[in-house]
C-alpha atoms as a PDB file:
ATOM      1  CA  MET A   1      -0.438  74.682  97.319  1.00  0.00           C
ATOM      2  CA  VAL A   2       2.109  75.200  94.194  1.00  0.00           C
ATOM      3  CA  SER A   3       0.174  77.114  92.119  1.00  0.00           C
ATOM      4  CA  ASP A   4      -0.434  75.844  88.234  1.00  0.00           C
ATOM      5  CA  THR A   5       1.516  79.329  87.055  1.00  0.00           C
ATOM      6  CA  THR A   6       4.434  78.589  89.483  1.00  0.00           C
ATOM      7  CA  SER A   7       4.762  75.286  88.638  1.00  0.00           C
ATOM      8  CA  ILE A   8       4.947  75.626  84.876  1.00  0.00           C
ATOM      9  CA  ASP A   9       7.246  78.674  85.463  1.00  0.00           C
ATOM     10  CA  LEU A  10       9.304  75.967  87.108  1.00  0.00           C
ATOM     11  CA  LEU A  11       9.269  73.403  84.460  1.00  0.00           C
ATOM     12  CA  LYS A  12      10.405  75.716  82.217  1.00  0.00           C
ATOM     13  CA  ASN A  13      13.314  76.647  83.993  1.00  0.00           C
ATOM     14  CA  GLU A  14      13.785  72.906  84.560  1.00  0.00           C
ATOM     15  CA  ILE A  15      13.613  71.909  80.609  1.00  0.00           C
ATOM     16  CA  PRO A  16      14.123  75.639  79.028  1.00  0.00           C
ATOM     17  CA  VAL A  17      12.996  76.088  75.101  1.00  0.00           C
ATOM     18  CA  GLU A  18      15.427  78.578  73.790  1.00  0.00           C
ATOM     19  CA  THR A  19      14.194  81.314  70.899  1.00  0.00           C
ATOM     20  CA  GLN A  20      15.578  83.361  67.982  1.00  0.00           C
ATOM     21  CA  SER A  21      13.877  85.992  65.919  1.00  0.00           C
ATOM     22  CA  LEU A  22      13.098  85.217  62.599  1.00  0.00           C
ATOM     23  CA  SER A  23      13.106  87.697  59.878  1.00  0.00           C
ATOM     24  CA  LEU A  24      11.923  87.142  56.115  1.00  0.00           C
ATOM     25  CA  THR A  25      13.952  88.780  53.547  1.00  0.00           C
ATOM     26  CA  GLY A  26      13.745  85.989  50.621  1.00  0.00           C
ATOM     27  CA  ASP A  27      17.413  85.504  50.175  1.00  0.00           C
ATOM     28  CA  VAL A  28      16.272  81.519  51.012  1.00  0.00           C
ATOM     29  CA  LYS A  29      13.413  79.606  49.692  1.00  0.00           C
ATOM     30  CA  THR A  30      11.254  79.342  52.323  1.00  0.00           C
ATOM     31  CA  GLY A  31       7.939  77.508  52.503  1.00  0.00           C
ATOM     32  CA  LEU A  32       4.772  78.065  54.833  1.00  0.00           C
ATOM     33  CA  VAL A  33       3.329  74.827  56.474  1.00  0.00           C
ATOM     34  CA  LEU A  34      -0.361  75.542  58.565  1.00  0.00           C
ATOM     35  CA  VAL A  35      -0.927  72.414  60.080  1.00  0.00           C
ATOM     36  CA  ASP A  36      -4.905  72.015  61.165  1.00  0.00           C
ATOM     37  CA  LEU A  37      -6.113  75.343  61.675  1.00  0.00           C
ATOM     38  CA  VAL A  38      -9.494  74.449  61.123  1.00  0.00           C
ATOM     39  CA  ASN A  39     -12.760  75.049  62.970  1.00  0.00           C
ATOM     40  CA  GLY A  40     -12.822  71.412  64.440  1.00  0.00           C
ATOM     41  CA  PHE A  41      -9.926  72.549  66.480  1.00  0.00           C
ATOM     42  CA  CYS A  42      -9.680  75.944  66.564  1.00  0.00           C
ATOM     43  CA  THR A  43     -13.545  77.968  66.297  1.00  0.00           C
ATOM     44  CA  VAL A  44     -15.354  77.893  69.170  1.00  0.00           C
ATOM     45  CA  GLY A  45     -18.606  74.790  69.366  1.00  0.00           C
ATOM     46  CA  SER A  46     -17.179  73.128  66.639  1.00  0.00           C
ATOM     47  CA  GLY A  47     -17.310  69.800  67.427  1.00  0.00           C
ATOM     48  CA  PRO A  48     -15.876  67.794  70.106  1.00  0.00           C
ATOM     49  CA  LEU A  49     -12.072  68.814  69.613  1.00  0.00           C
ATOM     50  CA  ALA A  50     -13.050  72.687  69.321  1.00  0.00           C
ATOM     51  CA  PRO A  51     -12.771  74.920  72.269  1.00  0.00           C
ATOM     52  CA  SER A  52     -16.209  75.647  74.028  1.00  0.00           C
ATOM     53  CA  ALA A  53     -15.198  79.375  74.997  1.00  0.00           C
ATOM     54  CA  PRO A  54     -12.752  81.796  73.263  1.00  0.00           C
ATOM     55  CA  ASP A  55      -9.254  80.999  73.745  1.00  0.00           C
ATOM     56  CA  ALA A  56      -6.487  83.724  73.507  1.00  0.00           C
ATOM     57  CA  GLN A  57      -3.838  81.009  72.754  1.00  0.00           C
ATOM     58  CA  ILE A  58      -5.490  79.656  70.129  1.00  0.00           C
ATOM     59  CA  SER A  59      -6.974  83.175  68.954  1.00  0.00           C
ATOM     60  CA  GLU A  60      -3.154  84.475  68.579  1.00  0.00           C
ATOM     61  CA  MET A  61      -2.285  81.453  66.541  1.00  0.00           C
ATOM     62  CA  VAL A  62      -5.233  82.257  63.716  1.00  0.00           C
ATOM     63  CA  ASP A  63      -4.036  86.215  63.631  1.00  0.00           C
ATOM     64  CA  GLU A  64      -0.204  85.200  63.405  1.00  0.00           C
ATOM     65  CA  SER A  65      -1.168  82.151  60.742  1.00  0.00           C
ATOM     66  CA  VAL A  66      -3.210  84.787  58.731  1.00  0.00           C
ATOM     67  CA  ARG A  67      -0.591  87.635  59.353  1.00  0.00           C
ATOM     68  CA  LEU A  68       2.036  85.139  57.755  1.00  0.00           C
ATOM     69  CA  SER A  69      -0.068  83.569  55.042  1.00  0.00           C
ATOM     70  CA  ARG A  70      -0.983  87.005  53.504  1.00  0.00           C
ATOM     71  CA  PHE A  71       2.724  88.178  53.835  1.00  0.00           C
ATOM     72  CA  PHE A  72       3.599  84.891  51.438  1.00  0.00           C
ATOM     73  CA  CYS A  73       0.798  85.049  49.122  1.00  0.00           C
ATOM     74  CA  GLN A  74       1.667  88.834  48.520  1.00  0.00           C
ATOM     75  CA  LYS A  75       5.310  87.419  47.613  1.00  0.00           C
ATOM     76  CA  ASN A  76       3.821  84.506  45.742  1.00  0.00           C
ATOM     77  CA  TRP A  77       5.924  82.330  48.539  1.00  0.00           C
ATOM     78  CA  PRO A  78       4.826  78.911  48.558  1.00  0.00           C
ATOM     79  CA  VAL A  79       2.409  77.401  51.175  1.00  0.00           C
ATOM     80  CA  PHE A  80       1.626  74.148  51.894  1.00  0.00           C
ATOM     81  CA  ALA A  81      -1.995  73.803  54.359  1.00  0.00           C
ATOM     82  CA  PHE A  82      -3.081  70.857  56.052  1.00  0.00           C
ATOM     83  CA  LEU A  83      -6.933  70.301  56.901  1.00  0.00           C
ATOM     84  CA  ASP A  84      -7.730  67.449  59.177  1.00  0.00           C
ATOM     85  CA  SER A  85     -10.462  65.772  57.509  1.00  0.00           C
ATOM     86  CA  HIS A  86     -11.625  62.211  58.539  1.00  0.00           C
ATOM     87  CA  HIS A  87     -14.182  59.445  57.274  1.00  0.00           C
ATOM     88  CA  PRO A  88     -16.894  58.358  60.065  1.00  0.00           C
ATOM     89  CA  ASP A  89     -15.950  54.721  59.570  1.00  0.00           C
ATOM     90  CA  LYS A  90     -12.137  55.091  60.313  1.00  0.00           C
ATOM     91  CA  PRO A  91     -11.848  56.121  63.913  1.00  0.00           C
ATOM     92  CA  GLU A  92      -8.502  58.064  65.180  1.00  0.00           C
ATOM     93  CA  PRO A  93      -8.208  56.951  68.892  1.00  0.00           C
ATOM     94  CA  PRO A  94      -7.839  57.500  71.404  1.00  0.00           C
ATOM     95  CA  TYR A  95      -9.954  60.955  70.018  1.00  0.00           C
ATOM     96  CA  PRO A  96     -13.674  60.831  69.456  1.00  0.00           C
ATOM     97  CA  PRO A  97     -14.790  61.414  65.913  1.00  0.00           C
ATOM     98  CA  HIS A  98     -13.913  64.534  64.670  1.00  0.00           C
ATOM     99  CA  CYS A  99     -13.523  67.056  61.428  1.00  0.00           C
ATOM    100  CA  ILE A 100     -15.581  64.490  59.758  1.00  0.00           C
ATOM    101  CA  VAL A 101     -14.870  65.152  55.995  1.00  0.00           C
ATOM    102  CA  GLY A 102     -17.912  67.104  54.399  1.00  0.00           C
ATOM    103  CA  THR A 103     -18.598  69.039  57.259  1.00  0.00           C
ATOM    104  CA  GLU A 104     -17.583  72.512  58.586  1.00  0.00           C
ATOM    105  CA  ASP A 105     -15.767  71.227  61.213  1.00  0.00           C
ATOM    106  CA  SER A 106     -13.106  70.357  58.425  1.00  0.00           C
ATOM    107  CA  GLU A 107     -12.886  73.343  56.915  1.00  0.00           C
ATOM    108  CA  LEU A 108     -10.227  76.106  57.389  1.00  0.00           C
ATOM    109  CA  VAL A 109     -11.045  78.335  59.869  1.00  0.00           C
ATOM    110  CA  SER A 110     -12.947  81.616  58.359  1.00  0.00           C
ATOM    111  CA  ALA A 111      -9.929  83.904  58.742  1.00  0.00           C
ATOM    112  CA  LEU A 112      -8.301  81.571  56.181  1.00  0.00           C
ATOM    113  CA  GLN A 113     -10.480  80.400  53.835  1.00  0.00           C
ATOM    114  CA  TRP A 114      -9.231  83.171  51.037  1.00  0.00           C
ATOM    115  CA  LEU A 115      -6.742  80.539  51.043  1.00  0.00           C
ATOM    116  CA  GLU A 116      -8.461  78.567  48.795  1.00  0.00           C
ATOM    117  CA  ASN A 117      -8.378  80.899  46.006  1.00  0.00           C
ATOM    118  CA  GLU A 118      -4.614  81.545  46.204  1.00  0.00           C
ATOM    119  CA  PRO A 119      -2.332  80.236  43.469  1.00  0.00           C
ATOM    120  CA  ASN A 120       0.548  79.883  45.479  1.00  0.00           C
ATOM    121  CA  VAL A 121      -1.321  77.423  48.552  1.00  0.00           C
ATOM    122  CA  THR A 122      -1.383  73.697  48.308  1.00  0.00           C
ATOM    123  CA  LEU A 123      -4.624  72.440  50.474  1.00  0.00           C
ATOM    124  CA  ARG A 124      -3.845  68.536  51.401  1.00  0.00           C
ATOM    125  CA  ARG A 125      -6.674  66.948  53.485  1.00  0.00           C
ATOM    126  CA  LYS A 126      -5.564  64.586  55.939  1.00  0.00           C
ATOM    127  CA  ASP A 127      -6.972  61.495  57.766  1.00  0.00           C
ATOM    128  CA  CYS A 128      -4.536  61.067  60.466  1.00  0.00           C
ATOM    129  CA  ILE A 129      -2.069  63.065  62.931  1.00  0.00           C
ATOM    130  CA  ASP A 130       1.071  63.121  61.001  1.00  0.00           C
ATOM    131  CA  GLY A 131       0.839  65.250  57.926  1.00  0.00           C
ATOM    132  CA  PHE A 132       3.939  63.534  56.843  1.00  0.00           C
ATOM    133  CA  LEU A 133       2.417  60.371  56.480  1.00  0.00           C
ATOM    134  CA  GLY A 134      -1.241  61.905  55.571  1.00  0.00           C
ATOM    135  CA  SER A 135       0.674  63.364  52.343  1.00  0.00           C
ATOM    136  CA  PHE A 136       1.051  59.749  50.979  1.00  0.00           C
ATOM    137  CA  ASP A 137      -1.098  59.050  47.755  1.00  0.00           C
ATOM    138  CA  LYS A 138      -2.249  55.359  46.369  1.00  0.00           C
ATOM    139  CA  ASP A 139       0.630  55.325  44.349  1.00  0.00           C
ATOM    140  CA  GLY A 140       3.292  55.977  46.892  1.00  0.00           C
ATOM    141  CA  SER A 141       4.012  59.504  45.985  1.00  0.00           C
ATOM    142  CA  ASN A 142       4.180  62.333  48.701  1.00  0.00           C
ATOM    143  CA  VAL A 143       2.555  65.441  48.171  1.00  0.00           C
ATOM    144  CA  PHE A 144       4.736  67.395  50.682  1.00  0.00           C
ATOM    145  CA  VAL A 145       7.742  65.921  49.587  1.00  0.00           C
ATOM    146  CA  ASN A 146       6.923  66.665  45.989  1.00  0.00           C
ATOM    147  CA  TRP A 147       5.597  70.281  47.043  1.00  0.00           C
ATOM    148  CA  VAL A 148       9.295  70.565  49.140  1.00  0.00           C
ATOM    149  CA  LYS A 149      11.212  69.746  45.936  1.00  0.00           C
ATOM    150  CA  THR A 150       9.290  71.445  43.248  1.00  0.00           C
ATOM    151  CA  ASN A 151       9.169  74.773  45.124  1.00  0.00           C
ATOM    152  CA  GLN A 152      12.888  74.178  45.921  1.00  0.00           C
ATOM    153  CA  ILE A 153      12.428  74.793  49.282  1.00  0.00           C
ATOM    154  CA  LYS A 154      14.902  75.250  51.753  1.00  0.00           C
ATOM    155  CA  VAL A 155      13.401  76.067  55.135  1.00  0.00           C
ATOM    156  CA  VAL A 156       9.425  75.565  56.090  1.00  0.00           C
ATOM    157  CA  LEU A 157       8.343  77.467  59.017  1.00  0.00           C
ATOM    158  CA  VAL A 158       5.626  75.849  60.728  1.00  0.00           C
ATOM    159  CA  VAL A 159       2.859  76.972  62.396  1.00  0.00           C
ATOM    160  CA  GLY A 160      -1.236  75.540  63.958  1.00  0.00           C
ATOM    161  CA  ILE A 161      -2.321  73.236  66.534  1.00  0.00           C
ATOM    162  CA  CYS A 162      -1.494  71.185  68.398  1.00  0.00           C
ATOM    163  CA  THR A 163       2.105  72.104  69.261  1.00  0.00           C
ATOM    164  CA  ASP A 164       2.181  68.803  70.975  1.00  0.00           C
ATOM    165  CA  ILE A 165       0.764  66.630  68.516  1.00  0.00           C
ATOM    166  CA  CYS A 166       0.228  66.973  64.741  1.00  0.00           C
ATOM    167  CA  VAL A 167       2.171  70.020  64.755  1.00  0.00           C
ATOM    168  CA  LEU A 168       5.161  67.959  66.839  1.00  0.00           C
ATOM    169  CA  ASP A 169       4.571  64.473  64.777  1.00  0.00           C
ATOM    170  CA  PHE A 170       5.188  66.594  61.419  1.00  0.00           C
ATOM    171  CA  VAL A 171       8.162  68.025  62.413  1.00  0.00           C
ATOM    172  CA  CYS A 172       9.453  64.947  63.716  1.00  0.00           C
ATOM    173  CA  SER A 173       8.921  63.116  60.474  1.00  0.00           C
ATOM    174  CA  THR A 174       9.922  66.029  58.401  1.00  0.00           C
ATOM    175  CA  LEU A 175      13.216  66.039  60.111  1.00  0.00           C
ATOM    176  CA  SER A 176      13.802  62.484  59.760  1.00  0.00           C
ATOM    177  CA  ALA A 177      12.995  62.512  55.970  1.00  0.00           C
ATOM    178  CA  ARG A 178      15.485  65.460  55.550  1.00  0.00           C
ATOM    179  CA  ASN A 179      18.035  63.502  57.540  1.00  0.00           C
ATOM    180  CA  ARG A 180      17.866  60.775  55.189  1.00  0.00           C
ATOM    181  CA  GLY A 181      18.263  62.767  52.129  1.00  0.00           C
ATOM    182  CA  LEU A 182      15.041  62.499  50.943  1.00  0.00           C
ATOM    183  CA  LEU A 183      13.425  66.065  51.308  1.00  0.00           C
ATOM    184  CA  PRO A 184      16.613  67.819  49.328  1.00  0.00           C
ATOM    185  CA  PRO A 185      17.197  70.601  49.248  1.00  0.00           C
ATOM    186  CA  LEU A 186      15.400  71.502  52.360  1.00  0.00           C
ATOM    187  CA  GLU A 187      17.982  72.332  55.534  1.00  0.00           C
ATOM    188  CA  ASP A 188      16.319  73.399  57.794  1.00  0.00           C
ATOM    189  CA  VAL A 189      12.347  73.234  59.801  1.00  0.00           C
ATOM    190  CA  ILE A 190      11.366  76.447  62.100  1.00  0.00           C
ATOM    191  CA  VAL A 191       8.498  76.150  64.777  1.00  0.00           C
ATOM    192  CA  TYR A 192       7.038  79.454  65.242  1.00  0.00           C
ATOM    193  CA  SER A 193       5.618  79.174  69.134  1.00  0.00           C
ATOM    194  CA  ARG A 194       3.097  82.209  68.887  1.00  0.00           C
ATOM    195  CA  GLY A 195       1.706  80.695  65.541  1.00  0.00           C
ATOM    196  CA  CYS A 196       1.095  77.301  67.521  1.00  0.00           C
ATOM    197  CA  SER A 197      -1.332  76.047  69.817  1.00  0.00           C
ATOM    198  CA  THR A 198      -2.735  73.053  72.142  1.00  0.00           C
ATOM    199  CA  TYR A 199      -6.028  72.576  74.085  1.00  0.00           C
ATOM    200  CA  ASP A 200      -7.010  72.831  77.405  1.00  0.00           C
ATOM    201  CA  LEU A 201      -8.479  69.922  79.612  1.00  0.00           C
ATOM    202  CA  PRO A 202      -7.991  70.797  83.216  1.00  0.00           C
ATOM    203  CA  VAL A 203      -7.667  67.392  85.184  1.00  0.00           C
ATOM    204  CA  ASN A 204     -10.738  67.872  87.351  1.00  0.00           C
ATOM    205  CA  ILE A 205     -12.358  67.687  83.904  1.00  0.00           C
ATOM    206  CA  SER A 206     -10.760  65.032  82.183  1.00  0.00           C
ATOM    207  CA  ARG A 207     -11.804  62.701  85.304  1.00  0.00           C
ATOM    208  CA  ASN A 208     -15.021  63.009  84.358  1.00  0.00           C
ATOM    209  CA  ILE A 209     -14.273  61.975  80.350  1.00  0.00           C
ATOM    210  CA  LYS A 210     -13.707  57.949  79.921  1.00  0.00           C
ATOM    211  CA  GLY A 211     -10.366  57.479  78.750  1.00  0.00           C
ATOM    212  CA  ALA A 212      -9.034  61.049  78.558  1.00  0.00           C
ATOM    213  CA  LEU A 213      -6.020  62.371  79.680  1.00  0.00           C
ATOM    214  CA  PRO A 214      -5.211  65.677  81.730  1.00  0.00           C
ATOM    215  CA  HIS A 215      -3.809  68.222  79.168  1.00  0.00           C
ATOM    216  CA  PRO A 216      -2.703  71.541  80.469  1.00  0.00           C
ATOM    217  CA  GLN A 217      -2.546  73.876  77.891  1.00  0.00           C
ATOM    218  CA  GLU A 218       0.810  76.344  78.774  1.00  0.00           C
ATOM    219  CA  LEU A 219       2.636  73.201  79.486  1.00  0.00           C
ATOM    220  CA  MET A 220       1.818  71.032  76.706  1.00  0.00           C
ATOM    221  CA  HIS A 221       2.325  73.681  74.505  1.00  0.00           C
ATOM    222  CA  HIS A 222       5.756  74.268  76.061  1.00  0.00           C
ATOM    223  CA  ILE A 223       6.672  70.463  76.046  1.00  0.00           C
ATOM    224  CA  GLY A 224       5.792  70.409  71.946  1.00  0.00           C
ATOM    225  CA  LEU A 225       8.371  73.189  71.450  1.00  0.00           C
ATOM    226  CA  TYR A 226      10.737  71.470  73.844  1.00  0.00           C
ATOM    227  CA  MET A 227      10.252  68.171  71.927  1.00  0.00           C
ATOM    228  CA  ALA A 228      10.450  69.757  68.325  1.00  0.00           C
ATOM    229  CA  LYS A 229      13.935  71.434  69.296  1.00  0.00           C
ATOM    230  CA  GLY A 230      15.228  67.966  70.602  1.00  0.00           C
ATOM    231  CA  ARG A 231      14.624  66.526  67.639  1.00  0.00           C
ATOM    232  CA  GLY A 232      16.453  69.485  65.749  1.00  0.00           C
ATOM    233  CA  ALA A 233      13.900  71.902  64.769  1.00  0.00           C
ATOM    234  CA  ASN A 234      14.724  75.661  65.398  1.00  0.00           C
ATOM    235  CA  VAL A 235      12.318  77.294  67.485  1.00  0.00           C
ATOM    236  CA  VAL A 236      11.577  81.071  66.656  1.00  0.00           C
ATOM    237  CA  SER A 237       9.090  83.433  69.138  1.00  0.00           C
ATOM    238  CA  GLU A 238       9.047  86.691  66.543  1.00  0.00           C
ATOM    239  CA  VAL A 239       8.994  86.706  62.900  1.00  0.00           C
ATOM    240  CA  SER A 240       9.563  89.907  61.089  1.00  0.00           C
ATOM    241  CA  PHE A 241       9.477  90.709  57.215  1.00  0.00           C
ATOM    242  CA  GLY A 242      12.508  92.127  55.942  1.00  0.00           C
ATOM    243  CA  LEU A 243      11.158  93.131  52.784  1.00  0.00           C
ATOM    244  CA  GLY A 244       9.657  96.367  53.260  1.00  0.00           C
ATOM    245  CA  VAL A 245       5.921  94.827  53.515  1.00  0.00           C
ATOM    246  CA  GLU A 246       3.841  96.117  56.491  1.00  0.00           C
ATOM    247  CA  GLN A 247       3.367  93.665  59.589  1.00  0.00           C
END
């Protein structure tokens, strides 16, 4: 029987994701977007969709998100953070109730809670998978669109969870809005592979959960990146600082 690792390697050869390196120099107005770095998705035991044990991919995502956030805040560059927050009477099938408003599950992970006090950071609680759609207010305005326009952002750098779900949906909607001229002056959407993660649900466990689908972490992470690139995003595997700031 072919091992899971071998199967994933074969798939990556069939649908490769070519990546680049990104150096943040300040020459192009860049905004950082954090997608759902909340306890309910990242902190062990914090709700039904949180990891049940320490997870290396999620830990690296949090670490890289913290590193980038500190850099952007030091430079007073714009940061936009989505927080998945749901009302208990508004389910989001096929997922079980999660990240309920007012609970710790819907709050930023402890390593990023300091962002709440940073003047260059915009926080947006969303009650749906797609952060772009979740940015619409009742008056029809869109907080994310206004953030891009107000800050004259040409590039957004995206990190967060899940690579193939909330990150992918947000990236696809943002690219579609850009293509239709709804997001001037935005030019590029960049997804940072090591700054993203997804969850792991092996097939033997999913069989015992009604309505659940298998979700192998490494495979779905790769597919999420592949889909984002196929929609027009740039994917980078390294982000460095070109302004003399310590990494």
